[in-house]
């Protein structure tokens, strides 16, 4: 899940964790993200959705977590990040 360090993203992470989902959380503000991840039992990963390499690493991590747990790939993704559009 992207944008999970605050606001709607953090609230969505809490709701999904409450329903039993295992979460990989990504955001730029790692300090806040680690707080949310600790609260919901998720994994915090620094992520900048404006950087293709950062997004690629995040996607590989999510795929790897699913494989390690012998589960199908991620059941879904939640994008709560705000990235500026082209100017």
PDB file of N, CA and C in Angstrom:
ATOM      1  N   UNK A   1       0.834  -1.168   0.000  1.00  0.00           N
ATOM      2  CA  UNK A   1       0.000   0.000   0.000  1.00  0.00           C
ATOM      3  C   UNK A   1       0.879   1.230   0.000  1.00  0.00           C
ATOM      4  N   UNK A   2       0.585   2.164  -0.871  1.00  0.00           N
ATOM      5  CA  UNK A   2       1.373   3.387  -0.937  1.00  0.00           C
ATOM      6  C   UNK A   2       0.688   4.490  -0.137  1.00  0.00           C
ATOM      7  N   UNK A   3       1.470   5.487   0.247  1.00  0.00           N
ATOM      8  CA  UNK A   3       0.914   6.627   0.965  1.00  0.00           C
ATOM      9  C   UNK A   3       0.385   6.287   2.341  1.00  0.00           C
ATOM     10  N   UNK A   4       0.986   5.307   2.986  1.00  0.00           N
ATOM     11  CA  UNK A   4       0.442   4.779   4.239  1.00  0.00           C
ATOM     12  C   UNK A   4       0.954   5.484   5.485  1.00  0.00           C
ATOM     13  N   UNK A   5       1.734   6.547   5.326  1.00  0.00           N
ATOM     14  CA  UNK A   5       2.338   7.173   6.506  1.00  0.00           C
ATOM     15  C   UNK A   5       1.403   8.122   7.254  1.00  0.00           C
ATOM     16  N   UNK A   6       0.300   8.539   6.629  1.00  0.00           N
ATOM     17  CA  UNK A   6      -0.598   9.476   7.312  1.00  0.00           C
ATOM     18  C   UNK A   6      -1.953   9.531   6.612  1.00  0.00           C
ATOM     19  N   UNK A   7      -2.862  10.237   7.223  1.00  0.00           N
ATOM     20  CA  UNK A   7      -4.162  10.519   6.614  1.00  0.00           C
ATOM     21  C   UNK A   7      -4.951   9.285   6.219  1.00  0.00           C
ATOM     22  N   UNK A   8      -5.560   9.379   5.035  1.00  0.00           N
ATOM     23  CA  UNK A   8      -6.409   8.292   4.538  1.00  0.00           C
ATOM     24  C   UNK A   8      -5.608   7.011   4.346  1.00  0.00           C
ATOM     25  N   UNK A   9      -4.346   7.139   3.931  1.00  0.00           N
ATOM     26  CA  UNK A   9      -3.513   5.951   3.738  1.00  0.00           C
ATOM     27  C   UNK A   9      -3.308   5.189   5.040  1.00  0.00           C
ATOM     28  N   UNK A  10      -2.979   5.906   6.111  1.00  0.00           N
ATOM     29  CA  UNK A  10      -2.788   5.261   7.416  1.00  0.00           C
ATOM     30  C   UNK A  10      -4.095   4.666   7.920  1.00  0.00           C
ATOM     31  N   UNK A  11      -5.188   5.392   7.726  1.00  0.00           N
ATOM     32  CA  UNK A  11      -6.490   4.883   8.160  1.00  0.00           C
ATOM     33  C   UNK A  11      -6.877   3.627   7.392  1.00  0.00           C
ATOM     34  N   UNK A  12      -6.579   3.608   6.100  1.00  0.00           N
ATOM     35  CA  UNK A  12      -6.872   2.423   5.289  1.00  0.00           C
ATOM     36  C   UNK A  12      -6.018   1.250   5.738  1.00  0.00           C
ATOM     37  N   UNK A  13      -4.748   1.508   6.043  1.00  0.00           N
ATOM     38  CA  UNK A  13      -3.871   0.439   6.540  1.00  0.00           C
ATOM     39  C   UNK A  13      -4.430  -0.148   7.836  1.00  0.00           C
ATOM     40  N   UNK A  14      -4.870   0.706   8.728  1.00  0.00           N
ATOM     41  CA  UNK A  14      -5.448   0.224   9.996  1.00  0.00           C
ATOM     42  C   UNK A  14      -6.703  -0.613   9.744  1.00  0.00           C
ATOM     43  N   UNK A  15      -7.544  -0.164   8.829  1.00  0.00           N
ATOM     44  CA  UNK A  15      -8.776  -0.898   8.533  1.00  0.00           C
ATOM     45  C   UNK A  15      -8.470  -2.263   7.910  1.00  0.00           C
ATOM     46  N   UNK A  16      -7.527  -2.295   6.962  1.00  0.00           N
ATOM     47  CA  UNK A  16      -7.183  -3.567   6.320  1.00  0.00           C
ATOM     48  C   UNK A  16      -6.529  -4.531   7.304  1.00  0.00           C
ATOM     49  N   UNK A  17      -5.660  -4.007   8.161  1.00  0.00           N
ATOM     50  CA  UNK A  17      -5.032  -4.861   9.179  1.00  0.00           C
ATOM     51  C   UNK A  17      -6.095  -5.408  10.124  1.00  0.00           C
ATOM     52  N   UNK A  18      -7.082  -4.597  10.439  1.00  0.00           N
ATOM     53  CA  UNK A  18      -8.177  -5.035  11.303  1.00  0.00           C
ATOM     54  C   UNK A  18      -8.989  -6.163  10.701  1.00  0.00           C
ATOM     55  N   UNK A  19      -8.964  -6.248   9.377  1.00  0.00           N
ATOM     56  CA  UNK A  19      -9.664  -7.324   8.668  1.00  0.00           C
ATOM     57  C   UNK A  19      -8.768  -8.538   8.440  1.00  0.00           C
ATOM     58  N   UNK A  20      -7.520  -8.451   8.919  1.00  0.00           N
ATOM     59  CA  UNK A  20      -6.625  -9.599   8.837  1.00  0.00           C
ATOM     60  C   UNK A  20      -5.653  -9.604   7.676  1.00  0.00           C
ATOM     61  N   UNK A  21      -5.596  -8.536   6.901  1.00  0.00           N
ATOM     62  CA  UNK A  21      -4.665  -8.477   5.783  1.00  0.00           C
ATOM     63  C   UNK A  21      -3.247  -8.258   6.284  1.00  0.00           C
ATOM     64  N   UNK A  22      -2.275  -8.913   5.631  1.00  0.00           N
ATOM     65  CA  UNK A  22      -0.867  -8.653   5.886  1.00  0.00           C
ATOM     66  C   UNK A  22      -0.457  -7.540   4.937  1.00  0.00           C
ATOM     67  N   UNK A  23       0.245  -6.535   5.457  1.00  0.00           N
ATOM     68  CA  UNK A  23       0.489  -5.326   4.687  1.00  0.00           C
ATOM     69  C   UNK A  23       1.964  -5.014   4.490  1.00  0.00           C
ATOM     70  N   UNK A  24       2.295  -4.570   3.293  1.00  0.00           N
ATOM     71  CA  UNK A  24       3.573  -3.948   2.991  1.00  0.00           C
ATOM     72  C   UNK A  24       3.221  -2.492   2.715  1.00  0.00           C
ATOM     73  N   UNK A  25       3.766  -1.599   3.536  1.00  0.00           N
ATOM     74  CA  UNK A  25       3.406  -0.189   3.474  1.00  0.00           C
ATOM     75  C   UNK A  25       4.553   0.629   2.909  1.00  0.00           C
ATOM     76  N   UNK A  26       4.246   1.536   2.002  1.00  0.00           N
ATOM     77  CA  UNK A  26       5.268   2.375   1.407  1.00  0.00           C
ATOM     78  C   UNK A  26       4.918   3.840   1.516  1.00  0.00           C
ATOM     79  N   UNK A  27       5.957   4.671   1.723  1.00  0.00           N
ATOM     80  CA  UNK A  27       5.805   6.130   1.750  1.00  0.00           C
ATOM     81  C   UNK A  27       7.186   6.763   1.824  1.00  0.00           C
ATOM     82  N   UNK A  28       7.230   8.069   1.583  1.00  0.00           N
ATOM     83  CA  UNK A  28       8.502   8.791   1.678  1.00  0.00           C
ATOM     84  C   UNK A  28       8.875   9.088   3.125  1.00  0.00           C
ATOM     85  N   UNK A  29       7.892   9.357   3.964  1.00  0.00           N
ATOM     86  CA  UNK A  29       8.170   9.731   5.360  1.00  0.00           C
ATOM     87  C   UNK A  29       8.316   8.471   6.209  1.00  0.00           C
ATOM     88  N   UNK A  30       9.519   7.930   6.212  1.00  0.00           N
ATOM     89  CA  UNK A  30       9.780   6.629   6.826  1.00  0.00           C
ATOM     90  C   UNK A  30       9.515   6.646   8.329  1.00  0.00           C
ATOM     91  N   UNK A  31       9.832   7.738   9.018  1.00  0.00           N
ATOM     92  CA  UNK A  31       9.603   7.782  10.463  1.00  0.00           C
ATOM     93  C   UNK A  31       8.131   7.582  10.792  1.00  0.00           C
ATOM     94  N   UNK A  32       7.260   8.273  10.096  1.00  0.00           N
ATOM     95  CA  UNK A  32       5.814   8.107  10.319  1.00  0.00           C
ATOM     96  C   UNK A  32       5.350   6.729   9.857  1.00  0.00           C
ATOM     97  N   UNK A  33       5.901   6.289   8.730  1.00  0.00           N
ATOM     98  CA  UNK A  33       5.525   4.991   8.167  1.00  0.00           C
ATOM     99  C   UNK A  33       5.856   3.859   9.130  1.00  0.00           C
ATOM    100  N   UNK A  34       7.021   3.923   9.764  1.00  0.00           N
ATOM    101  CA  UNK A  34       7.406   2.880  10.716  1.00  0.00           C
ATOM    102  C   UNK A  34       6.461   2.852  11.911  1.00  0.00           C
ATOM    103  N   UNK A  35       5.961   4.013  12.329  1.00  0.00           N
ATOM    104  CA  UNK A  35       4.985   4.050  13.418  1.00  0.00           C
ATOM    105  C   UNK A  35       3.702   3.315  13.028  1.00  0.00           C
ATOM    106  N   UNK A  36       3.205   3.606  11.821  1.00  0.00           N
ATOM    107  CA  UNK A  36       1.974   2.946  11.354  1.00  0.00           C
ATOM    108  C   UNK A  36       2.216   1.447  11.174  1.00  0.00           C
ATOM    109  N   UNK A  37       3.341   1.083  10.564  1.00  0.00           N
ATOM    110  CA  UNK A  37       3.646  -0.337  10.345  1.00  0.00           C
ATOM    111  C   UNK A  37       3.726  -1.082  11.673  1.00  0.00           C
ATOM    112  N   UNK A  38       4.343  -0.470  12.681  1.00  0.00           N
ATOM    113  CA  UNK A  38       4.416  -1.096  13.997  1.00  0.00           C
ATOM    114  C   UNK A  38       3.044  -1.288  14.615  1.00  0.00           C
ATOM    115  N   UNK A  39       2.196  -0.325  14.398  1.00  0.00           N
ATOM    116  CA  UNK A  39       0.830  -0.382  14.940  1.00  0.00           C
ATOM    117  C   UNK A  39       0.005  -1.501  14.304  1.00  0.00           C
ATOM    118  N   UNK A  40       0.185  -1.709  12.989  1.00  0.00           N
ATOM    119  CA  UNK A  40      -0.656  -2.678  12.274  1.00  0.00           C
ATOM    120  C   UNK A  40       0.048  -4.003  11.993  1.00  0.00           C
ATOM    121  N   UNK A  41       1.321  -4.112  12.401  1.00  0.00           N
ATOM    122  CA  UNK A  41       2.057  -5.345  12.146  1.00  0.00           C
ATOM    123  C   UNK A  41       2.479  -5.502  10.701  1.00  0.00           C
ATOM    124  N   UNK A  42       2.639  -4.378   9.990  1.00  0.00           N
ATOM    125  CA  UNK A  42       3.044  -4.424   8.589  1.00  0.00           C
ATOM    126  C   UNK A  42       4.526  -4.166   8.423  1.00  0.00           C
ATOM    127  N   UNK A  43       4.966  -4.213   7.191  1.00  0.00           N
ATOM    128  CA  UNK A  43       6.361  -3.949   6.859  1.00  0.00           C
ATOM    129  C   UNK A  43       6.459  -2.559   6.236  1.00  0.00           C
ATOM    130  N   UNK A  44       7.350  -1.716   6.761  1.00  0.00           N
ATOM    131  CA  UNK A  44       7.546  -0.361   6.254  1.00  0.00           C
ATOM    132  C   UNK A  44       8.664  -0.329   5.231  1.00  0.00           C
ATOM    133  N   UNK A  45       8.402   0.312   4.095  1.00  0.00           N
ATOM    134  CA  UNK A  45       9.387   0.409   3.020  1.00  0.00           C
ATOM    135  C   UNK A  45       9.384   1.836   2.480  1.00  0.00           C
ATOM    136  N   UNK A  46      10.564   2.454   2.414  1.00  0.00           N
ATOM    137  CA  UNK A  46      10.645   3.788   1.818  1.00  0.00           C
ATOM    138  C   UNK A  46      10.240   3.699   0.354  1.00  0.00           C
ATOM    139  N   UNK A  47       9.363   4.602  -0.071  1.00  0.00           N
ATOM    140  CA  UNK A  47       8.847   4.566  -1.437  1.00  0.00           C
ATOM    141  C   UNK A  47       8.574   5.984  -1.920  1.00  0.00           C
ATOM    142  N   UNK A  48       9.096   6.291  -3.094  1.00  0.00           N
ATOM    143  CA  UNK A  48       8.813   7.556  -3.767  1.00  0.00           C
ATOM    144  C   UNK A  48       8.136   7.209  -5.082  1.00  0.00           C
ATOM    145  N   UNK A  49       6.827   7.450  -5.179  1.00  0.00           N
ATOM    146  CA  UNK A  49       6.078   7.040  -6.368  1.00  0.00           C
ATOM    147  C   UNK A  49       6.436   7.855  -7.609  1.00  0.00           C
ATOM    148  N   UNK A  50       7.237   8.911  -7.448  1.00  0.00           N
ATOM    149  CA  UNK A  50       7.686   9.675  -8.617  1.00  0.00           C
ATOM    150  C   UNK A  50       8.994   9.132  -9.176  1.00  0.00           C
ATOM    151  N   UNK A  51       9.559   8.116  -8.528  1.00  0.00           N
ATOM    152  CA  UNK A  51      10.836   7.524  -8.938  1.00  0.00           C
ATOM    153  C   UNK A  51      10.601   6.085  -9.412  1.00  0.00           C
ATOM    154  N   UNK A  52      10.725   5.831 -10.723  1.00  0.00           N
ATOM    155  CA  UNK A  52      10.462   4.487 -11.247  1.00  0.00           C
ATOM    156  C   UNK A  52      11.287   3.382 -10.574  1.00  0.00           C
ATOM    157  N   UNK A  53      12.531   3.672 -10.223  1.00  0.00           N
ATOM    158  CA  UNK A  53      13.354   2.655  -9.562  1.00  0.00           C
ATOM    159  C   UNK A  53      12.802   2.325  -8.178  1.00  0.00           C
ATOM    160  N   UNK A  54      12.339   3.332  -7.443  1.00  0.00           N
ATOM    161  CA  UNK A  54      11.756   3.118  -6.125  1.00  0.00           C
ATOM    162  C   UNK A  54      10.489   2.269  -6.245  1.00  0.00           C
ATOM    163  N   UNK A  55       9.670   2.577  -7.231  1.00  0.00           N
ATOM    164  CA  UNK A  55       8.436   1.814  -7.455  1.00  0.00           C
ATOM    165  C   UNK A  55       8.772   0.368  -7.822  1.00  0.00           C
ATOM    166  N   UNK A  56       9.787   0.181  -8.643  1.00  0.00           N
ATOM    167  CA  UNK A  56      10.195  -1.171  -9.026  1.00  0.00           C
ATOM    168  C   UNK A  56      10.655  -1.990  -7.833  1.00  0.00           C
ATOM    169  N   UNK A  57      11.467  -1.381  -6.963  1.00  0.00           N
ATOM    170  CA  UNK A  57      11.927  -2.088  -5.755  1.00  0.00           C
ATOM    171  C   UNK A  57      10.748  -2.454  -4.863  1.00  0.00           C
ATOM    172  N   UNK A  58       9.798  -1.543  -4.731  1.00  0.00           N
ATOM    173  CA  UNK A  58       8.617  -1.806  -3.907  1.00  0.00           C
ATOM    174  C   UNK A  58       7.818  -2.981  -4.478  1.00  0.00           C
ATOM    175  N   UNK A  59       7.609  -2.976  -5.788  1.00  0.00           N
ATOM    176  CA  UNK A  59       6.852  -4.060  -6.433  1.00  0.00           C
ATOM    177  C   UNK A  59       7.556  -5.402  -6.262  1.00  0.00           C
ATOM    178  N   UNK A  60       8.877  -5.401  -6.405  1.00  0.00           N
ATOM    179  CA  UNK A  60       9.634  -6.648  -6.227  1.00  0.00           C
ATOM    180  C   UNK A  60       9.521  -7.148  -4.793  1.00  0.00           C
ATOM    181  N   UNK A  61       9.570  -6.236  -3.847  1.00  0.00           N
ATOM    182  CA  UNK A  61       9.441  -6.625  -2.446  1.00  0.00           C
ATOM    183  C   UNK A  61       8.067  -7.238  -2.173  1.00  0.00           C
ATOM    184  N   UNK A  62       7.032  -6.599  -2.666  1.00  0.00           N
ATOM    185  CA  UNK A  62       5.676  -7.125  -2.455  1.00  0.00           C
ATOM    186  C   UNK A  62       5.552  -8.516  -3.067  1.00  0.00           C
ATOM    187  N   UNK A  63       6.070  -8.707  -4.265  1.00  0.00           N
ATOM    188  CA  UNK A  63       6.023 -10.027  -4.914  1.00  0.00           C
ATOM    189  C   UNK A  63       6.823 -11.040  -4.116  1.00  0.00           C
ATOM    190  N   UNK A  64       7.965 -10.635  -3.596  1.00  0.00           N
ATOM    191  CA  UNK A  64       8.804 -11.532  -2.804  1.00  0.00           C
ATOM    192  C   UNK A  64       8.161 -11.932  -1.500  1.00  0.00           C
ATOM    193  N   UNK A  65       7.483 -11.003  -0.848  1.00  0.00           N
ATOM    194  CA  UNK A  65       6.797 -11.316   0.410  1.00  0.00           C
ATOM    195  C   UNK A  65       5.717 -12.350   0.150  1.00  0.00           C
ATOM    196  N   UNK A  66       4.966 -12.197  -0.919  1.00  0.00           N
ATOM    197  CA  UNK A  66       3.922 -13.169  -1.248  1.00  0.00           C
ATOM    198  C   UNK A  66       4.515 -14.551  -1.499  1.00  0.00           C
ATOM    199  N   UNK A  67       5.643 -14.602  -2.221  1.00  0.00           N
ATOM    200  CA  UNK A  67       6.275 -15.882  -2.540  1.00  0.00           C
ATOM    201  C   UNK A  67       6.810 -16.553  -1.278  1.00  0.00           C
ATOM    202  N   UNK A  68       7.415 -15.774  -0.378  1.00  0.00           N
ATOM    203  CA  UNK A  68       7.958 -16.326   0.868  1.00  0.00           C
ATOM    204  C   UNK A  68       6.860 -16.939   1.726  1.00  0.00           C
ATOM    205  N   UNK A  69       5.679 -16.383   1.666  1.00  0.00           N
ATOM    206  CA  UNK A  69       4.583 -16.858   2.498  1.00  0.00           C
ATOM    207  C   UNK A  69       3.762 -17.940   1.802  1.00  0.00           C
ATOM    208  N   UNK A  70       4.229 -18.383   0.649  1.00  0.00           N
ATOM    209  CA  UNK A  70       3.528 -19.402  -0.137  1.00  0.00           C
ATOM    210  C   UNK A  70       2.083 -19.015  -0.386  1.00  0.00           C
ATOM    211  N   UNK A  71       1.889 -17.763  -0.648  1.00  0.00           N
ATOM    212  CA  UNK A  71       0.554 -17.251  -0.944  1.00  0.00           C
ATOM    213  C   UNK A  71       0.543 -16.739  -2.372  1.00  0.00           C
ATOM    214  N   UNK A  72      -0.641 -16.611  -2.922  1.00  0.00           N
ATOM    215  CA  UNK A  72      -0.699 -15.995  -4.252  1.00  0.00           C
ATOM    216  C   UNK A  72      -0.171 -14.571  -4.175  1.00  0.00           C
ATOM    217  N   UNK A  73       0.198 -13.992  -5.320  1.00  0.00           N
ATOM    218  CA  UNK A  73       0.663 -12.610  -5.303  1.00  0.00           C
ATOM    219  C   UNK A  73      -0.350 -11.715  -4.595  1.00  0.00           C
ATOM    220  N   UNK A  74       0.078 -10.532  -4.291  1.00  0.00           N
ATOM    221  CA  UNK A  74      -0.751  -9.580  -3.547  1.00  0.00           C
ATOM    222  C   UNK A  74      -2.205  -9.639  -4.004  1.00  0.00           C
ATOM    223  N   UNK A  75      -3.092  -9.654  -3.013  1.00  0.00           N
ATOM    224  CA  UNK A  75      -4.517  -9.692  -3.309  1.00  0.00           C
ATOM    225  C   UNK A  75      -4.986  -8.386  -3.926  1.00  0.00           C
ATOM    226  N   UNK A  76      -4.225  -7.338  -3.731  1.00  0.00           N
ATOM    227  CA  UNK A  76      -4.585  -6.050  -4.304  1.00  0.00           C
ATOM    228  C   UNK A  76      -3.594  -4.997  -3.876  1.00  0.00           C
ATOM    229  N   UNK A  77      -3.706  -3.863  -4.481  1.00  0.00           N
ATOM    230  CA  UNK A  77      -2.871  -2.737  -4.085  1.00  0.00           C
ATOM    231  C   UNK A  77      -3.767  -1.556  -3.788  1.00  0.00           C
ATOM    232  N   UNK A  78      -3.304  -0.722  -2.896  1.00  0.00           N
ATOM    233  CA  UNK A  78      -4.035   0.493  -2.560  1.00  0.00           C
ATOM    234  C   UNK A  78      -3.074   1.649  -2.765  1.00  0.00           C
ATOM    235  N   UNK A  79      -3.411   2.545  -3.672  1.00  0.00           N
ATOM    236  CA  UNK A  79      -2.571   3.707  -3.939  1.00  0.00           C
ATOM    237  C   UNK A  79      -3.204   4.918  -3.285  1.00  0.00           C
ATOM    238  N   UNK A  80      -2.579   5.375  -2.200  1.00  0.00           N
ATOM    239  CA  UNK A  80      -3.069   6.560  -1.507  1.00  0.00           C
ATOM    240  C   UNK A  80      -2.032   7.671  -1.575  1.00  0.00           C
ATOM    241  N   UNK A  81      -1.103   7.565  -2.507  1.00  0.00           N
ATOM    242  CA  UNK A  81      -0.072   8.584  -2.657  1.00  0.00           C
ATOM    243  C   UNK A  81      -0.553   9.705  -3.535  1.00  0.00           C
ATOM    244  N   UNK A  82      -0.058  10.883  -3.261  1.00  0.00           N
ATOM    245  CA  UNK A  82      -0.344  12.030  -4.120  1.00  0.00           C
ATOM    246  C   UNK A  82       0.928  12.412  -4.833  1.00  0.00           C
ATOM    247  N   UNK A  83       0.944  12.235  -6.120  1.00  0.00           N
ATOM    248  CA  UNK A  83       2.109  12.616  -6.910  1.00  0.00           C
ATOM    249  C   UNK A  83       1.671  13.701  -7.881  1.00  0.00           C
ATOM    250  N   UNK A  84       2.457  14.764  -7.988  1.00  0.00           N
ATOM    251  CA  UNK A  84       2.072  15.837  -8.903  1.00  0.00           C
ATOM    252  C   UNK A  84       2.074  15.350 -10.355  1.00  0.00           C
ATOM    253  N   UNK A  85       1.160  15.840 -11.118  1.00  0.00           N
ATOM    254  CA  UNK A  85       1.106  15.505 -12.535  1.00  0.00           C
ATOM    255  C   UNK A  85       2.088  16.343 -13.316  1.00  0.00           C
ATOM    256  N   UNK A  86       2.175  16.084 -14.605  1.00  0.00           N
ATOM    257  CA  UNK A  86       3.091  16.869 -15.441  1.00  0.00           C
ATOM    258  C   UNK A  86       2.710  18.340 -15.426  1.00  0.00           C
ATOM    259  N   UNK A  87       3.701  19.203 -15.514  1.00  0.00           N
ATOM    260  CA  UNK A  87       3.387  20.632 -15.523  1.00  0.00           C
ATOM    261  C   UNK A  87       3.558  21.229 -16.894  1.00  0.00           C
TER     262      UNK A  87
END
